[in-house]
Each structure stands twice: as C-alpha cells, then as structure tokens.
Amino acid sequence: MYPVMLNVFDRLCTVVGGGKVALHKAEKLAESGARVRVVSMSFIDGFETFETLRKKYAPSDIEGSFLVIAATDDMDLNKKIADDARGRNILTAVADNAAYSDFISPASVTSGDITLSVSTNGKFPMLAKKLCLEKSEELDFFSGILPLLSECRRRVIEMNRTDKSELLEFMLSDEMLGYAVGDRKLFEKKLDLSD
C-alpha cells in the first residue's frame, strides 16, 4: 500500500451499509469535511445527520461520488459495489477486505494540526488502533509546540543560508525538545533565529 492523506473536503463520498462499521466510516469522512451519502435498507441509530437513501443498493447510488466505501454484511454485494465504483473510476474500499480495496483507512488520532496514522495493511486493525492510542499523549505535546515550530520553519526557509536542514533538525533535537518540556520560555528564546 502507498501511504497518502486524501483530501475529501466538500467532496461527495458514498457509504453503502447501515450498521456500526458503516457509521464509523461515515463519521470519519464527515470529520474530514466530506459530503456523506449513506445507502442502506435499514440504519442503526446515529445516521440522522447524514444524507440517507433508505433503499436497496443500485449502481446509480454512487454516481458523482469521489469515493465509495462498501460496508454491508454481504461480501458478494460489497464486491459488486467495488466493481461498480471501479467501472466509474471511483476510489473504493471494501470494509474488512483490504485485498479488494483501492485504499484502506488506517487507524488515526488527531491533535490540532497533527494526525498520526498507523496501518497493519488490513492484517490486524486493532493493533493499529492500540498503537495510535499509545502515542496520543506525545501527539498532544507536539501539537502544542507546532505553531512555534511552524513559524520558525517559515523563517528558516526564507533565510539565505546553506545550513537550513541542519537548523530544522536542531529544532527537533533532544536538547531542544528537553527545553520545550521543561522550560517553554527558554525553548522559545533558543528558537529565536534573528542572529
């Protein structure tokens, strides 16, 4: 698999299925700014905020979609949905079948502007989720210093220096991160790149 972050903002994404897995996929898409359509004969609680089509799946249901997620409890139907999507050049994922998918959704955790994603390439998704949760506290720390690091990076890039990479690496050195943990003011002072 080729790792990538996919921009779904304001794009139509269709989820076929009305159960727990489909709901999770729809929620994740909505959190990323997608326009979500869900197709199913029945829905568990939680789908009230989405555009829903309460009907048997038909290929016309995915027309105009940027991506499609097949998340029914019928593997043959999921494969048909994937085939229909591929025939229309639409990215598709089949829940619980990475081999039949164009992409998989890794486990992820977000803090501010940082998203950490972990994948087991569909072999054991719960392990990926566990690894994300274990790193979430560190993610909060780095998210807290990211605005300062981002501003320093912008200034370094604008400088007429040949050692830009070394400066950027120094900003993340153990020494500097130690200051960030223990004395934020000293960390900010040491990041002052005006000299």
N, C-alpha and C. Protein backbone atom coordinates (compact mmCIF):
# COMPACT_ATOMS: atom_id res chain seq x y z
N MET A 1 0.84 -1.18 0.00
CA MET A 1 0.00 0.00 0.00
C MET A 1 0.89 1.25 0.00
N TYR A 2 0.43 2.27 -0.71
CA TYR A 2 1.12 3.55 -0.77
C TYR A 2 0.45 4.49 0.22
N PRO A 3 1.17 4.94 1.27
CA PRO A 3 0.53 5.80 2.27
C PRO A 3 0.25 7.19 1.71
N VAL A 4 -0.93 7.71 1.99
CA VAL A 4 -1.31 9.03 1.49
C VAL A 4 -2.41 9.61 2.37
N MET A 5 -2.46 10.93 2.48
CA MET A 5 -3.56 11.61 3.14
C MET A 5 -4.45 12.12 2.01
N LEU A 6 -5.72 11.84 2.04
CA LEU A 6 -6.63 12.13 0.94
C LEU A 6 -7.55 13.30 1.31
N ASN A 7 -7.58 14.31 0.44
CA ASN A 7 -8.44 15.47 0.67
C ASN A 7 -9.85 15.16 0.19
N VAL A 8 -10.77 15.01 1.13
CA VAL A 8 -12.17 14.73 0.78
C VAL A 8 -13.07 15.93 1.07
N PHE A 9 -12.48 17.07 1.42
CA PHE A 9 -13.26 18.23 1.80
C PHE A 9 -14.24 18.64 0.71
N ASP A 10 -15.50 18.73 1.07
CA ASP A 10 -16.60 19.13 0.19
C ASP A 10 -16.75 18.22 -1.03
N ARG A 11 -16.29 16.99 -0.93
CA ARG A 11 -16.47 16.01 -2.00
C ARG A 11 -17.50 14.97 -1.55
N LEU A 12 -18.29 14.52 -2.50
CA LEU A 12 -19.30 13.52 -2.19
C LEU A 12 -18.65 12.15 -2.01
N CYS A 13 -18.88 11.57 -0.84
CA CYS A 13 -18.37 10.24 -0.53
C CYS A 13 -19.58 9.39 -0.13
N THR A 14 -19.70 8.22 -0.75
CA THR A 14 -20.86 7.37 -0.51
C THR A 14 -20.45 6.13 0.28
N VAL A 15 -21.20 5.87 1.33
CA VAL A 15 -21.02 4.67 2.15
C VAL A 15 -22.25 3.81 1.93
N VAL A 16 -22.03 2.54 1.60
CA VAL A 16 -23.15 1.62 1.44
C VAL A 16 -23.14 0.68 2.63
N GLY A 17 -24.20 0.73 3.42
CA GLY A 17 -24.32 -0.06 4.63
C GLY A 17 -24.94 0.78 5.72
N GLY A 18 -25.63 0.15 6.64
CA GLY A 18 -26.31 0.90 7.68
C GLY A 18 -25.97 0.45 9.09
N GLY A 19 -24.89 -0.30 9.24
CA GLY A 19 -24.50 -0.82 10.55
C GLY A 19 -23.39 -0.03 11.21
N LYS A 20 -22.78 -0.64 12.22
CA LYS A 20 -21.76 0.01 13.04
C LYS A 20 -20.53 0.41 12.23
N VAL A 21 -20.06 -0.48 11.37
CA VAL A 21 -18.87 -0.19 10.56
C VAL A 21 -19.16 0.96 9.60
N ALA A 22 -20.31 0.91 8.95
CA ALA A 22 -20.69 1.97 8.02
C ALA A 22 -20.80 3.31 8.74
N LEU A 23 -21.36 3.30 9.95
CA LEU A 23 -21.49 4.53 10.72
C LEU A 23 -20.12 5.11 11.05
N HIS A 24 -19.21 4.26 11.48
CA HIS A 24 -17.84 4.72 11.79
C HIS A 24 -17.19 5.34 10.56
N LYS A 25 -17.32 4.69 9.41
CA LYS A 25 -16.73 5.23 8.18
C LYS A 25 -17.37 6.56 7.81
N ALA A 26 -18.69 6.67 7.92
CA ALA A 26 -19.39 7.91 7.60
C ALA A 26 -18.95 9.04 8.53
N GLU A 27 -18.81 8.73 9.81
CA GLU A 27 -18.39 9.75 10.78
C GLU A 27 -16.98 10.25 10.47
N LYS A 28 -16.06 9.35 10.15
CA LYS A 28 -14.69 9.75 9.84
C LYS A 28 -14.64 10.62 8.59
N LEU A 29 -15.44 10.27 7.59
CA LEU A 29 -15.50 11.09 6.38
C LEU A 29 -16.04 12.48 6.69
N ALA A 30 -17.10 12.54 7.48
CA ALA A 30 -17.69 13.83 7.85
C ALA A 30 -16.71 14.68 8.65
N GLU A 31 -15.96 14.06 9.55
CA GLU A 31 -14.94 14.79 10.33
C GLU A 31 -13.90 15.42 9.42
N SER A 32 -13.68 14.82 8.26
CA SER A 32 -12.70 15.33 7.30
C SER A 32 -13.31 16.32 6.32
N GLY A 33 -14.58 16.65 6.52
CA GLY A 33 -15.22 17.67 5.69
C GLY A 33 -15.94 17.16 4.46
N ALA A 34 -16.07 15.84 4.32
CA ALA A 34 -16.73 15.28 3.15
C ALA A 34 -18.24 15.49 3.23
N ARG A 35 -18.87 15.51 2.07
CA ARG A 35 -20.33 15.43 1.99
C ARG A 35 -20.64 13.94 1.93
N VAL A 36 -21.37 13.43 2.89
CA VAL A 36 -21.54 11.99 3.03
C VAL A 36 -22.97 11.57 2.68
N ARG A 37 -23.04 10.58 1.81
CA ARG A 37 -24.32 9.94 1.46
C ARG A 37 -24.21 8.49 1.92
N VAL A 38 -25.28 7.98 2.54
CA VAL A 38 -25.29 6.60 3.02
C VAL A 38 -26.50 5.89 2.43
N VAL A 39 -26.25 4.69 1.89
CA VAL A 39 -27.30 3.91 1.25
C VAL A 39 -27.46 2.59 2.00
N SER A 40 -28.71 2.31 2.41
CA SER A 40 -28.99 1.04 3.09
C SER A 40 -30.50 0.87 3.21
N MET A 41 -30.92 -0.38 3.32
CA MET A 41 -32.33 -0.67 3.57
C MET A 41 -32.73 -0.31 5.00
N SER A 42 -31.76 -0.39 5.93
CA SER A 42 -32.05 -0.05 7.33
C SER A 42 -30.80 0.56 7.96
N PHE A 43 -31.02 1.33 9.02
CA PHE A 43 -29.92 2.05 9.68
C PHE A 43 -30.00 1.87 11.19
N ILE A 44 -28.85 1.70 11.83
CA ILE A 44 -28.81 1.77 13.29
C ILE A 44 -28.89 3.25 13.68
N ASP A 45 -29.05 3.54 14.96
CA ASP A 45 -29.07 4.93 15.43
C ASP A 45 -27.71 5.58 15.14
N GLY A 46 -27.74 6.85 14.77
CA GLY A 46 -26.51 7.60 14.56
C GLY A 46 -26.39 8.18 13.16
N PHE A 47 -27.20 7.73 12.24
CA PHE A 47 -27.11 8.21 10.86
C PHE A 47 -27.97 9.46 10.60
N GLU A 48 -28.58 10.00 11.63
CA GLU A 48 -29.55 11.09 11.45
C GLU A 48 -28.95 12.34 10.80
N THR A 49 -27.65 12.57 10.96
CA THR A 49 -27.04 13.79 10.43
C THR A 49 -26.56 13.64 8.99
N PHE A 50 -26.71 12.46 8.42
CA PHE A 50 -26.21 12.22 7.06
C PHE A 50 -27.35 12.18 6.05
N GLU A 51 -27.02 12.45 4.79
CA GLU A 51 -27.97 12.21 3.71
C GLU A 51 -28.11 10.70 3.59
N THR A 52 -29.30 10.18 3.77
CA THR A 52 -29.50 8.73 3.70
C THR A 52 -30.49 8.39 2.60
N LEU A 53 -30.21 7.30 1.92
CA LEU A 53 -31.12 6.73 0.94
C LEU A 53 -31.55 5.37 1.49
N ARG A 54 -32.78 5.27 1.98
CA ARG A 54 -33.27 4.02 2.56
C ARG A 54 -33.82 3.17 1.42
N LYS A 55 -32.92 2.36 0.86
CA LYS A 55 -33.29 1.57 -0.31
C LYS A 55 -32.26 0.49 -0.55
N LYS A 56 -32.59 -0.43 -1.42
CA LYS A 56 -31.64 -1.44 -1.87
C LYS A 56 -30.62 -0.76 -2.77
N TYR A 57 -29.35 -1.12 -2.61
CA TYR A 57 -28.28 -0.52 -3.40
C TYR A 57 -28.52 -0.71 -4.90
N ALA A 58 -28.25 0.36 -5.65
CA ALA A 58 -28.24 0.32 -7.11
C ALA A 58 -27.01 1.09 -7.59
N PRO A 59 -26.41 0.70 -8.71
CA PRO A 59 -25.21 1.39 -9.20
C PRO A 59 -25.38 2.90 -9.34
N SER A 60 -26.59 3.37 -9.62
CA SER A 60 -26.82 4.81 -9.76
C SER A 60 -26.60 5.56 -8.45
N ASP A 61 -26.63 4.84 -7.30
CA ASP A 61 -26.45 5.48 -5.99
C ASP A 61 -25.06 6.07 -5.81
N ILE A 62 -24.08 5.58 -6.58
CA ILE A 62 -22.71 6.06 -6.39
C ILE A 62 -22.30 7.09 -7.45
N GLU A 63 -23.20 7.41 -8.37
CA GLU A 63 -22.88 8.39 -9.42
C GLU A 63 -22.43 9.71 -8.78
N GLY A 64 -21.38 10.28 -9.32
CA GLY A 64 -20.87 11.57 -8.84
C GLY A 64 -20.04 11.50 -7.58
N SER A 65 -19.81 10.30 -7.07
CA SER A 65 -19.03 10.15 -5.84
C SER A 65 -17.54 10.26 -6.13
N PHE A 66 -16.82 10.85 -5.18
CA PHE A 66 -15.36 10.89 -5.24
C PHE A 66 -14.78 9.56 -4.78
N LEU A 67 -15.41 9.00 -3.74
CA LEU A 67 -15.01 7.66 -3.28
C LEU A 67 -16.22 6.94 -2.71
N VAL A 68 -16.10 5.64 -2.67
CA VAL A 68 -17.19 4.77 -2.20
C VAL A 68 -16.62 3.79 -1.18
N ILE A 69 -17.35 3.59 -0.09
CA ILE A 69 -16.99 2.57 0.89
C ILE A 69 -18.12 1.56 0.96
N ALA A 70 -17.80 0.31 0.67
CA ALA A 70 -18.77 -0.79 0.76
C ALA A 70 -18.65 -1.40 2.15
N ALA A 71 -19.68 -1.22 2.96
CA ALA A 71 -19.63 -1.68 4.36
C ALA A 71 -20.91 -2.42 4.74
N THR A 72 -21.36 -3.28 3.85
CA THR A 72 -22.53 -4.09 4.19
C THR A 72 -22.04 -5.39 4.83
N ASP A 73 -22.97 -6.21 5.30
CA ASP A 73 -22.58 -7.51 5.87
C ASP A 73 -22.65 -8.62 4.82
N ASP A 74 -22.76 -8.23 3.55
CA ASP A 74 -22.84 -9.18 2.43
C ASP A 74 -21.60 -9.01 1.55
N MET A 75 -20.65 -9.96 1.65
CA MET A 75 -19.39 -9.84 0.92
C MET A 75 -19.59 -9.79 -0.59
N ASP A 76 -20.52 -10.55 -1.12
CA ASP A 76 -20.77 -10.52 -2.56
C ASP A 76 -21.27 -9.14 -2.99
N LEU A 77 -22.15 -8.56 -2.21
CA LEU A 77 -22.65 -7.22 -2.51
C LEU A 77 -21.52 -6.19 -2.40
N ASN A 78 -20.69 -6.32 -1.39
CA ASN A 78 -19.56 -5.40 -1.25
C ASN A 78 -18.65 -5.45 -2.48
N LYS A 79 -18.39 -6.65 -2.98
CA LYS A 79 -17.55 -6.79 -4.18
C LYS A 79 -18.23 -6.18 -5.40
N LYS A 80 -19.54 -6.35 -5.51
CA LYS A 80 -20.28 -5.75 -6.62
C LYS A 80 -20.19 -4.23 -6.56
N ILE A 81 -20.35 -3.67 -5.36
CA ILE A 81 -20.25 -2.21 -5.19
C ILE A 81 -18.87 -1.73 -5.61
N ALA A 82 -17.84 -2.46 -5.19
CA ALA A 82 -16.47 -2.09 -5.57
C ALA A 82 -16.28 -2.17 -7.08
N ASP A 83 -16.79 -3.20 -7.70
CA ASP A 83 -16.69 -3.33 -9.16
C ASP A 83 -17.43 -2.19 -9.86
N ASP A 84 -18.62 -1.85 -9.36
CA ASP A 84 -19.38 -0.75 -9.94
C ASP A 84 -18.60 0.56 -9.83
N ALA A 85 -17.99 0.79 -8.68
CA ALA A 85 -17.22 2.02 -8.47
C ALA A 85 -16.00 2.05 -9.39
N ARG A 86 -15.28 0.96 -9.46
CA ARG A 86 -14.10 0.92 -10.33
C ARG A 86 -14.47 1.16 -11.78
N GLY A 87 -15.60 0.62 -12.20
CA GLY A 87 -16.07 0.84 -13.57
C GLY A 87 -16.36 2.30 -13.87
N ARG A 88 -16.52 3.10 -12.82
CA ARG A 88 -16.77 4.54 -12.97
C ARG A 88 -15.55 5.36 -12.55
N ASN A 89 -14.41 4.70 -12.39
CA ASN A 89 -13.17 5.36 -11.94
C ASN A 89 -13.33 6.08 -10.61
N ILE A 90 -14.02 5.43 -9.69
CA ILE A 90 -14.23 5.97 -8.34
C ILE A 90 -13.40 5.13 -7.37
N LEU A 91 -12.63 5.80 -6.52
CA LEU A 91 -11.88 5.09 -5.49
C LEU A 91 -12.85 4.31 -4.62
N THR A 92 -12.44 3.10 -4.25
CA THR A 92 -13.34 2.27 -3.45
C THR A 92 -12.59 1.50 -2.36
N ALA A 93 -13.28 1.32 -1.25
CA ALA A 93 -12.76 0.49 -0.16
C ALA A 93 -13.86 -0.46 0.26
N VAL A 94 -13.47 -1.68 0.51
CA VAL A 94 -14.40 -2.70 1.00
C VAL A 94 -14.03 -2.99 2.44
N ALA A 95 -14.96 -2.74 3.35
CA ALA A 95 -14.70 -2.99 4.77
C ALA A 95 -14.30 -4.44 4.99
N ASP A 96 -13.24 -4.64 5.76
CA ASP A 96 -12.75 -5.98 6.11
C ASP A 96 -12.24 -6.77 4.91
N ASN A 97 -11.86 -6.08 3.83
CA ASN A 97 -11.28 -6.79 2.68
C ASN A 97 -10.29 -5.87 1.97
N ALA A 98 -9.10 -5.72 2.56
CA ALA A 98 -8.08 -4.82 2.01
C ALA A 98 -7.67 -5.24 0.60
N ALA A 99 -7.66 -6.55 0.34
CA ALA A 99 -7.22 -7.04 -0.97
C ALA A 99 -8.15 -6.59 -2.09
N TYR A 100 -9.42 -6.31 -1.79
CA TYR A 100 -10.38 -5.92 -2.81
C TYR A 100 -10.61 -4.40 -2.82
N SER A 101 -9.75 -3.67 -2.11
CA SER A 101 -9.91 -2.23 -1.96
C SER A 101 -8.82 -1.47 -2.70
N ASP A 102 -9.17 -0.25 -3.16
CA ASP A 102 -8.18 0.66 -3.73
C ASP A 102 -7.39 1.34 -2.63
N PHE A 103 -7.98 1.46 -1.47
CA PHE A 103 -7.33 2.11 -0.33
C PHE A 103 -7.89 1.49 0.95
N ILE A 104 -7.16 1.68 2.04
CA ILE A 104 -7.67 1.29 3.35
C ILE A 104 -7.58 2.52 4.25
N SER A 105 -8.43 2.58 5.23
CA SER A 105 -8.41 3.69 6.17
C SER A 105 -7.63 3.25 7.40
N PRO A 106 -6.45 3.84 7.62
CA PRO A 106 -5.67 3.43 8.78
C PRO A 106 -6.29 3.94 10.07
N ALA A 107 -5.88 3.36 11.17
CA ALA A 107 -6.26 3.91 12.47
C ALA A 107 -5.57 5.25 12.59
N SER A 108 -6.22 6.22 13.19
CA SER A 108 -5.59 7.53 13.31
C SER A 108 -6.05 8.24 14.56
N VAL A 109 -5.21 9.16 15.00
CA VAL A 109 -5.53 10.03 16.12
C VAL A 109 -5.05 11.42 15.72
N THR A 110 -5.85 12.44 16.07
CA THR A 110 -5.53 13.80 15.67
C THR A 110 -5.48 14.70 16.89
N SER A 111 -4.49 15.57 16.90
CA SER A 111 -4.38 16.61 17.92
C SER A 111 -3.97 17.89 17.20
N GLY A 112 -4.86 18.85 17.16
CA GLY A 112 -4.58 20.09 16.43
C GLY A 112 -4.34 19.79 14.97
N ASP A 113 -3.19 20.25 14.47
CA ASP A 113 -2.84 20.05 13.06
C ASP A 113 -2.02 18.79 12.81
N ILE A 114 -1.88 17.95 13.81
CA ILE A 114 -1.09 16.73 13.64
C ILE A 114 -2.02 15.52 13.63
N THR A 115 -1.88 14.71 12.61
CA THR A 115 -2.61 13.45 12.52
C THR A 115 -1.59 12.32 12.43
N LEU A 116 -1.72 11.36 13.32
CA LEU A 116 -0.88 10.17 13.30
C LEU A 116 -1.73 9.01 12.80
N SER A 117 -1.28 8.36 11.75
CA SER A 117 -1.99 7.22 11.19
C SER A 117 -1.10 5.99 11.24
N VAL A 118 -1.71 4.86 11.58
CA VAL A 118 -0.98 3.60 11.65
C VAL A 118 -1.80 2.54 10.92
N SER A 119 -1.13 1.75 10.11
CA SER A 119 -1.81 0.69 9.38
C SER A 119 -1.06 -0.63 9.54
N THR A 120 -1.81 -1.70 9.59
CA THR A 120 -1.23 -3.04 9.55
C THR A 120 -1.54 -3.67 8.18
N ASN A 121 -1.86 -2.82 7.19
CA ASN A 121 -2.26 -3.28 5.85
C ASN A 121 -3.42 -4.26 5.91
N GLY A 122 -4.33 -4.00 6.86
CA GLY A 122 -5.54 -4.81 6.97
C GLY A 122 -5.37 -6.12 7.71
N LYS A 123 -4.16 -6.42 8.20
CA LYS A 123 -3.91 -7.71 8.83
C LYS A 123 -4.42 -7.78 10.28
N PHE A 124 -4.37 -6.66 11.02
CA PHE A 124 -4.87 -6.64 12.40
C PHE A 124 -5.15 -5.20 12.80
N PRO A 125 -6.28 -4.63 12.35
CA PRO A 125 -6.59 -3.22 12.60
C PRO A 125 -6.61 -2.81 14.07
N MET A 126 -6.97 -3.72 14.97
CA MET A 126 -6.99 -3.35 16.39
C MET A 126 -5.60 -3.03 16.92
N LEU A 127 -4.56 -3.65 16.36
CA LEU A 127 -3.19 -3.32 16.76
C LEU A 127 -2.86 -1.89 16.34
N ALA A 128 -3.27 -1.51 15.13
CA ALA A 128 -3.03 -0.15 14.67
C ALA A 128 -3.71 0.86 15.60
N LYS A 129 -4.93 0.56 16.00
CA LYS A 129 -5.67 1.45 16.91
C LYS A 129 -4.95 1.56 18.25
N LYS A 130 -4.46 0.44 18.76
CA LYS A 130 -3.74 0.44 20.05
C LYS A 130 -2.48 1.29 19.96
N LEU A 131 -1.73 1.17 18.87
CA LEU A 131 -0.50 1.96 18.70
C LEU A 131 -0.81 3.45 18.65
N CYS A 132 -1.89 3.82 17.97
CA CYS A 132 -2.30 5.23 17.92
C CYS A 132 -2.61 5.76 19.31
N LEU A 133 -3.38 5.00 20.06
CA LEU A 133 -3.76 5.45 21.40
C LEU A 133 -2.54 5.61 22.31
N GLU A 134 -1.56 4.72 22.16
CA GLU A 134 -0.35 4.81 22.98
C GLU A 134 0.45 6.07 22.68
N LYS A 135 0.36 6.58 21.46
CA LYS A 135 1.12 7.76 21.05
C LYS A 135 0.34 9.06 21.21
N SER A 136 -0.92 8.98 21.63
CA SER A 136 -1.75 10.18 21.65
C SER A 136 -1.25 11.25 22.63
N GLU A 137 -0.67 10.86 23.76
CA GLU A 137 -0.16 11.85 24.72
C GLU A 137 1.02 12.62 24.13
N GLU A 138 1.93 11.90 23.46
CA GLU A 138 3.04 12.57 22.80
C GLU A 138 2.53 13.51 21.71
N LEU A 139 1.49 13.09 21.03
CA LEU A 139 0.92 13.91 19.96
C LEU A 139 0.42 15.24 20.50
N ASP A 140 -0.21 15.22 21.68
CA ASP A 140 -0.68 16.46 22.29
C ASP A 140 0.48 17.41 22.57
N PHE A 141 1.60 16.88 23.04
CA PHE A 141 2.79 17.70 23.30
C PHE A 141 3.27 18.36 22.02
N PHE A 142 3.45 17.57 20.98
CA PHE A 142 3.97 18.11 19.72
C PHE A 142 2.97 19.08 19.08
N SER A 143 1.69 18.81 19.24
CA SER A 143 0.68 19.73 18.72
C SER A 143 0.77 21.08 19.41
N GLY A 144 1.13 21.07 20.71
CA GLY A 144 1.26 22.31 21.46
C GLY A 144 2.41 23.18 21.01
N ILE A 145 3.49 22.56 20.53
CA ILE A 145 4.64 23.36 20.09
C ILE A 145 4.67 23.55 18.56
N LEU A 146 3.75 22.92 17.85
CA LEU A 146 3.75 23.02 16.39
C LEU A 146 3.62 24.45 15.87
N PRO A 147 2.74 25.30 16.42
CA PRO A 147 2.67 26.66 15.87
C PRO A 147 4.01 27.40 15.93
N LEU A 148 4.73 27.25 17.02
CA LEU A 148 6.03 27.89 17.15
C LEU A 148 7.03 27.28 16.16
N LEU A 149 7.04 25.95 16.07
CA LEU A 149 7.94 25.29 15.13
C LEU A 149 7.62 25.69 13.69
N SER A 150 6.35 25.80 13.38
CA SER A 150 5.93 26.17 12.03
C SER A 150 6.42 27.57 11.67
N GLU A 151 6.28 28.51 12.61
CA GLU A 151 6.75 29.88 12.37
C GLU A 151 8.26 29.90 12.19
N CYS A 152 8.99 29.16 13.03
CA CYS A 152 10.46 29.09 12.90
C CYS A 152 10.85 28.47 11.57
N ARG A 153 10.14 27.44 11.16
CA ARG A 153 10.42 26.80 9.87
C ARG A 153 10.24 27.80 8.73
N ARG A 154 9.16 28.57 8.79
CA ARG A 154 8.92 29.58 7.75
C ARG A 154 10.08 30.56 7.67
N ARG A 155 10.56 31.02 8.85
CA ARG A 155 11.67 31.97 8.86
C ARG A 155 12.96 31.34 8.36
N VAL A 156 13.22 30.09 8.72
CA VAL A 156 14.43 29.40 8.25
C VAL A 156 14.41 29.27 6.73
N ILE A 157 13.26 28.90 6.18
CA ILE A 157 13.15 28.74 4.72
C ILE A 157 13.42 30.05 4.00
N GLU A 158 13.03 31.17 4.60
CA GLU A 158 13.24 32.48 3.98
C GLU A 158 14.68 32.96 4.10
N MET A 159 15.46 32.37 4.99
CA MET A 159 16.85 32.80 5.20
C MET A 159 17.74 32.44 4.01
N ASN A 160 18.75 33.25 3.82
CA ASN A 160 19.74 32.99 2.77
C ASN A 160 20.92 32.26 3.41
N ARG A 161 20.68 30.99 3.77
CA ARG A 161 21.71 30.19 4.44
C ARG A 161 21.78 28.82 3.78
N THR A 162 22.94 28.22 3.89
CA THR A 162 23.12 26.89 3.29
C THR A 162 22.84 25.77 4.30
N ASP A 163 22.69 26.12 5.58
CA ASP A 163 22.51 25.11 6.61
C ASP A 163 21.06 25.01 7.09
N LYS A 164 20.11 25.23 6.19
CA LYS A 164 18.69 25.20 6.57
C LYS A 164 18.27 23.86 7.15
N SER A 165 18.69 22.77 6.52
CA SER A 165 18.32 21.44 7.02
C SER A 165 18.85 21.21 8.42
N GLU A 166 20.09 21.62 8.67
CA GLU A 166 20.68 21.44 9.99
C GLU A 166 19.91 22.24 11.05
N LEU A 167 19.51 23.47 10.70
CA LEU A 167 18.74 24.29 11.63
C LEU A 167 17.40 23.64 11.96
N LEU A 168 16.73 23.12 10.93
CA LEU A 168 15.43 22.47 11.16
C LEU A 168 15.59 21.22 12.00
N GLU A 169 16.63 20.44 11.76
CA GLU A 169 16.89 19.24 12.56
C GLU A 169 17.20 19.62 14.01
N PHE A 170 17.96 20.71 14.20
CA PHE A 170 18.29 21.16 15.55
C PHE A 170 17.02 21.51 16.34
N MET A 171 16.03 22.09 15.65
CA MET A 171 14.79 22.47 16.32
C MET A 171 14.10 21.26 16.96
N LEU A 172 14.36 20.06 16.43
CA LEU A 172 13.74 18.83 16.95
C LEU A 172 14.74 17.94 17.69
N SER A 173 15.91 18.48 18.00
CA SER A 173 16.92 17.69 18.71
C SER A 173 16.45 17.38 20.13
N ASP A 174 17.04 16.36 20.72
CA ASP A 174 16.71 16.01 22.10
C ASP A 174 16.93 17.19 23.03
N GLU A 175 18.00 17.95 22.79
CA GLU A 175 18.30 19.12 23.62
C GLU A 175 17.15 20.13 23.56
N MET A 176 16.72 20.47 22.35
CA MET A 176 15.66 21.47 22.19
C MET A 176 14.32 20.95 22.73
N LEU A 177 14.00 19.69 22.46
CA LEU A 177 12.74 19.14 22.97
C LEU A 177 12.76 19.07 24.49
N GLY A 178 13.95 18.88 25.07
CA GLY A 178 14.08 18.93 26.53
C GLY A 178 13.71 20.30 27.07
N TYR A 179 14.13 21.35 26.37
CA TYR A 179 13.74 22.71 26.77
C TYR A 179 12.23 22.90 26.62
N ALA A 180 11.68 22.37 25.56
CA ALA A 180 10.24 22.52 25.31
C ALA A 180 9.42 21.88 26.43
N VAL A 181 9.91 20.75 26.95
CA VAL A 181 9.21 20.06 28.04
C VAL A 181 9.39 20.80 29.36
N GLY A 182 10.65 21.23 29.64
CA GLY A 182 10.96 21.78 30.96
C GLY A 182 10.78 23.28 31.09
N ASP A 183 11.07 24.04 30.05
CA ASP A 183 11.06 25.50 30.15
C ASP A 183 10.67 26.08 28.80
N ARG A 184 9.37 26.25 28.60
CA ARG A 184 8.86 26.71 27.29
C ARG A 184 9.45 28.06 26.90
N LYS A 185 9.65 28.97 27.85
CA LYS A 185 10.21 30.29 27.55
C LYS A 185 11.64 30.16 27.03
N LEU A 186 12.43 29.29 27.66
CA LEU A 186 13.80 29.08 27.19
C LEU A 186 13.80 28.43 25.81
N PHE A 187 12.88 27.51 25.59
CA PHE A 187 12.72 26.88 24.27
C PHE A 187 12.45 27.95 23.22
N GLU A 188 11.52 28.87 23.51
CA GLU A 188 11.19 29.91 22.56
C GLU A 188 12.38 30.83 22.32
N LYS A 189 13.13 31.15 23.39
CA LYS A 189 14.31 32.01 23.27
C LYS A 189 15.37 31.34 22.40
N LYS A 190 15.59 30.04 22.60
CA LYS A 190 16.60 29.34 21.82
C LYS A 190 16.20 29.19 20.36
N LEU A 191 14.89 29.25 20.09
CA LEU A 191 14.43 29.18 18.71
C LEU A 191 14.49 30.53 18.00
N ASP A 192 14.84 31.58 18.72
CA ASP A 192 14.95 32.91 18.11
C ASP A 192 16.07 32.87 17.09
N LEU A 193 15.73 32.96 15.84
CA LEU A 193 16.69 32.80 14.74
C LEU A 193 17.12 34.14 14.16
N SER A 194 17.01 35.21 14.95
CA SER A 194 17.30 36.53 14.42
C SER A 194 18.80 36.77 14.23
N ASP A 195 19.66 36.01 14.94
CA ASP A 195 21.11 36.20 14.79
C ASP A 195 21.65 35.61 13.53
